[in-house]
Amino acid sequence: MTQITLRSAHLASSRSTSRAAAALNAIQLWRSRRALARLDARMLEDIGVTAEAAATEASRAPWDVPAYWLK
């Protein structure tokens, strides 16, 4: 399965990131996923992502991030 990496600020643990920064990161992630959802089939093919993978990523909640972002 293709792993999608979004251009988003790295979400760190709550100890090292202020609540405001965490909120801004979540908003940026939400915007990135929303933009991904708007890509057509040709654009998805250009970046090597299937429509199914894009839809799955776009439907994830803002707090649903890869584990490595939380390290």
N, C-alpha and C. Protein backbone atom coordinates (compact mmCIF):
# COMPACT_ATOMS: atom_id res chain seq x y z
N MET A 1 0.84 -1.17 0.00
CA MET A 1 0.00 0.00 0.00
C MET A 1 0.89 1.24 0.00
N THR A 2 0.49 2.23 -0.70
CA THR A 2 1.25 3.47 -0.80
C THR A 2 1.11 4.26 0.49
N GLN A 3 2.21 4.72 1.03
CA GLN A 3 2.17 5.57 2.21
C GLN A 3 2.14 7.01 1.74
N ILE A 4 1.21 7.77 2.24
CA ILE A 4 1.07 9.15 1.84
C ILE A 4 1.74 10.02 2.90
N THR A 5 2.64 10.86 2.47
CA THR A 5 3.29 11.79 3.38
C THR A 5 2.79 13.17 3.02
N LEU A 6 2.17 13.82 3.96
CA LEU A 6 1.63 15.15 3.73
C LEU A 6 2.63 16.21 4.15
N ARG A 7 2.60 17.33 3.45
CA ARG A 7 3.46 18.44 3.83
C ARG A 7 2.81 19.12 5.03
N SER A 8 3.17 18.67 6.18
CA SER A 8 2.59 19.21 7.40
C SER A 8 3.67 19.25 8.46
N ALA A 9 3.50 20.19 9.36
CA ALA A 9 4.46 20.29 10.45
C ALA A 9 4.41 19.02 11.28
N HIS A 10 5.54 18.61 11.77
CA HIS A 10 5.66 17.41 12.58
C HIS A 10 4.94 17.65 13.91
N LEU A 11 4.02 16.76 14.25
CA LEU A 11 3.31 16.87 15.53
C LEU A 11 4.15 16.22 16.61
N ALA A 12 4.54 16.98 17.57
CA ALA A 12 5.37 16.47 18.66
C ALA A 12 4.49 16.17 19.86
N SER A 13 5.09 15.59 20.87
CA SER A 13 4.34 15.27 22.08
C SER A 13 3.87 16.56 22.75
N SER A 14 2.83 16.45 23.56
CA SER A 14 2.25 17.63 24.19
C SER A 14 3.22 18.30 25.15
N ARG A 15 4.22 17.57 25.62
CA ARG A 15 5.19 18.17 26.53
C ARG A 15 6.07 19.19 25.83
N SER A 16 6.37 18.97 24.56
CA SER A 16 7.29 19.86 23.87
C SER A 16 6.61 20.81 22.90
N THR A 17 5.31 20.74 22.77
CA THR A 17 4.59 21.61 21.85
C THR A 17 3.46 22.29 22.61
N SER A 18 3.33 23.58 22.41
CA SER A 18 2.25 24.30 23.07
C SER A 18 0.91 23.88 22.48
N ARG A 19 -0.13 24.13 23.21
CA ARG A 19 -1.47 23.79 22.73
C ARG A 19 -1.80 24.57 21.46
N ALA A 20 -1.38 25.82 21.39
CA ALA A 20 -1.64 26.63 20.19
C ALA A 20 -0.93 26.04 18.98
N ALA A 21 0.31 25.62 19.14
CA ALA A 21 1.06 25.02 18.04
C ALA A 21 0.42 23.70 17.62
N ALA A 22 -0.03 22.92 18.57
CA ALA A 22 -0.68 21.64 18.26
C ALA A 22 -1.98 21.89 17.50
N ALA A 23 -2.72 22.92 17.90
CA ALA A 23 -3.96 23.26 17.19
C ALA A 23 -3.66 23.71 15.76
N LEU A 24 -2.63 24.51 15.59
CA LEU A 24 -2.25 24.95 14.24
C LEU A 24 -1.79 23.78 13.38
N ASN A 25 -1.07 22.84 13.96
CA ASN A 25 -0.64 21.65 13.24
C ASN A 25 -1.85 20.82 12.80
N ALA A 26 -2.84 20.69 13.67
CA ALA A 26 -4.03 19.92 13.34
C ALA A 26 -4.81 20.58 12.21
N ILE A 27 -4.88 21.91 12.24
CA ILE A 27 -5.57 22.63 11.17
C ILE A 27 -4.83 22.46 9.85
N GLN A 28 -3.52 22.54 9.89
CA GLN A 28 -2.72 22.36 8.68
C GLN A 28 -2.90 20.94 8.12
N LEU A 29 -2.91 19.97 8.99
CA LEU A 29 -3.11 18.58 8.56
C LEU A 29 -4.50 18.41 7.95
N TRP A 30 -5.51 18.99 8.55
CA TRP A 30 -6.88 18.93 8.03
C TRP A 30 -6.95 19.55 6.64
N ARG A 31 -6.29 20.70 6.47
CA ARG A 31 -6.27 21.36 5.15
C ARG A 31 -5.56 20.50 4.11
N SER A 32 -4.47 19.87 4.49
CA SER A 32 -3.73 19.01 3.56
C SER A 32 -4.58 17.82 3.13
N ARG A 33 -5.26 17.23 4.07
CA ARG A 33 -6.12 16.09 3.74
C ARG A 33 -7.30 16.52 2.89
N ARG A 34 -7.83 17.69 3.15
CA ARG A 34 -8.93 18.21 2.34
C ARG A 34 -8.45 18.47 0.90
N ALA A 35 -7.25 19.01 0.75
CA ALA A 35 -6.68 19.24 -0.58
C ALA A 35 -6.45 17.92 -1.30
N LEU A 36 -5.99 16.91 -0.59
CA LEU A 36 -5.79 15.59 -1.17
C LEU A 36 -7.10 15.03 -1.70
N ALA A 37 -8.18 15.24 -0.97
CA ALA A 37 -9.49 14.74 -1.38
C ALA A 37 -9.98 15.40 -2.67
N ARG A 38 -9.50 16.60 -2.96
CA ARG A 38 -9.93 17.31 -4.16
C ARG A 38 -9.14 16.97 -5.42
N LEU A 39 -8.07 16.19 -5.29
CA LEU A 39 -7.27 15.84 -6.47
C LEU A 39 -8.03 14.89 -7.38
N ASP A 40 -7.94 15.13 -8.69
CA ASP A 40 -8.60 14.22 -9.63
C ASP A 40 -7.68 13.03 -9.93
N ALA A 41 -8.19 12.08 -10.71
CA ALA A 41 -7.46 10.84 -10.99
C ALA A 41 -6.10 11.10 -11.65
N ARG A 42 -6.04 12.07 -12.55
CA ARG A 42 -4.79 12.39 -13.23
C ARG A 42 -3.75 12.92 -12.23
N MET A 43 -4.17 13.79 -11.36
CA MET A 43 -3.26 14.35 -10.36
C MET A 43 -2.76 13.28 -9.40
N LEU A 44 -3.67 12.40 -8.99
CA LEU A 44 -3.27 11.31 -8.09
C LEU A 44 -2.27 10.39 -8.77
N GLU A 45 -2.49 10.12 -10.06
CA GLU A 45 -1.54 9.29 -10.80
C GLU A 45 -0.17 9.96 -10.88
N ASP A 46 -0.16 11.28 -11.04
CA ASP A 46 1.10 12.03 -11.11
C ASP A 46 1.93 11.87 -9.84
N ILE A 47 1.26 11.78 -8.70
CA ILE A 47 2.00 11.66 -7.44
C ILE A 47 2.11 10.21 -6.97
N GLY A 48 1.56 9.29 -7.76
CA GLY A 48 1.71 7.87 -7.45
C GLY A 48 0.84 7.37 -6.32
N VAL A 49 -0.35 7.95 -6.19
CA VAL A 49 -1.27 7.56 -5.12
C VAL A 49 -2.56 7.07 -5.76
N THR A 50 -3.07 5.97 -5.25
CA THR A 50 -4.34 5.46 -5.76
C THR A 50 -5.49 6.28 -5.20
N ALA A 51 -6.62 6.26 -5.89
CA ALA A 51 -7.80 6.98 -5.42
C ALA A 51 -8.25 6.42 -4.07
N GLU A 52 -8.13 5.11 -3.90
CA GLU A 52 -8.53 4.48 -2.64
C GLU A 52 -7.64 4.95 -1.48
N ALA A 53 -6.32 5.00 -1.70
CA ALA A 53 -5.40 5.46 -0.66
C ALA A 53 -5.65 6.92 -0.32
N ALA A 54 -5.91 7.73 -1.34
CA ALA A 54 -6.18 9.15 -1.10
C ALA A 54 -7.46 9.33 -0.30
N ALA A 55 -8.50 8.58 -0.66
CA ALA A 55 -9.77 8.68 0.07
C ALA A 55 -9.61 8.23 1.52
N THR A 56 -8.84 7.18 1.73
CA THR A 56 -8.59 6.70 3.09
C THR A 56 -7.87 7.76 3.91
N GLU A 57 -6.82 8.33 3.35
CA GLU A 57 -6.06 9.36 4.07
C GLU A 57 -6.91 10.60 4.31
N ALA A 58 -7.66 11.01 3.31
CA ALA A 58 -8.48 12.22 3.43
C ALA A 58 -9.58 12.08 4.47
N SER A 59 -10.04 10.85 4.71
CA SER A 59 -11.13 10.65 5.67
C SER A 59 -10.65 10.49 7.11
N ARG A 60 -9.34 10.45 7.32
CA ARG A 60 -8.82 10.29 8.68
C ARG A 60 -9.06 11.56 9.50
N ALA A 61 -9.24 11.39 10.79
CA ALA A 61 -9.45 12.52 11.70
C ALA A 61 -8.14 13.29 11.88
N PRO A 62 -8.21 14.58 12.20
CA PRO A 62 -6.99 15.38 12.37
C PRO A 62 -6.04 14.84 13.43
N TRP A 63 -6.56 14.19 14.44
CA TRP A 63 -5.70 13.66 15.51
C TRP A 63 -5.15 12.27 15.16
N ASP A 64 -5.59 11.71 14.05
CA ASP A 64 -5.13 10.39 13.61
C ASP A 64 -3.88 10.59 12.75
N VAL A 65 -2.73 10.55 13.41
CA VAL A 65 -1.46 10.80 12.74
C VAL A 65 -0.55 9.57 12.85
N PRO A 66 0.43 9.45 11.96
CA PRO A 66 1.36 8.33 12.07
C PRO A 66 2.10 8.36 13.41
N ALA A 67 2.39 7.20 13.94
CA ALA A 67 3.04 7.08 15.25
C ALA A 67 4.38 7.82 15.30
N TYR A 68 5.11 7.82 14.18
CA TYR A 68 6.44 8.44 14.19
C TYR A 68 6.35 9.95 14.36
N TRP A 69 5.20 10.57 14.12
CA TRP A 69 5.05 12.01 14.35
C TRP A 69 5.02 12.33 15.85
N LEU A 70 4.65 11.37 16.64
CA LEU A 70 4.47 11.61 18.06
C LEU A 70 5.73 11.37 18.87
N LYS A 71 6.81 10.95 18.24
CA LYS A 71 8.06 10.65 18.95
C LYS A 71 8.84 11.91 19.22
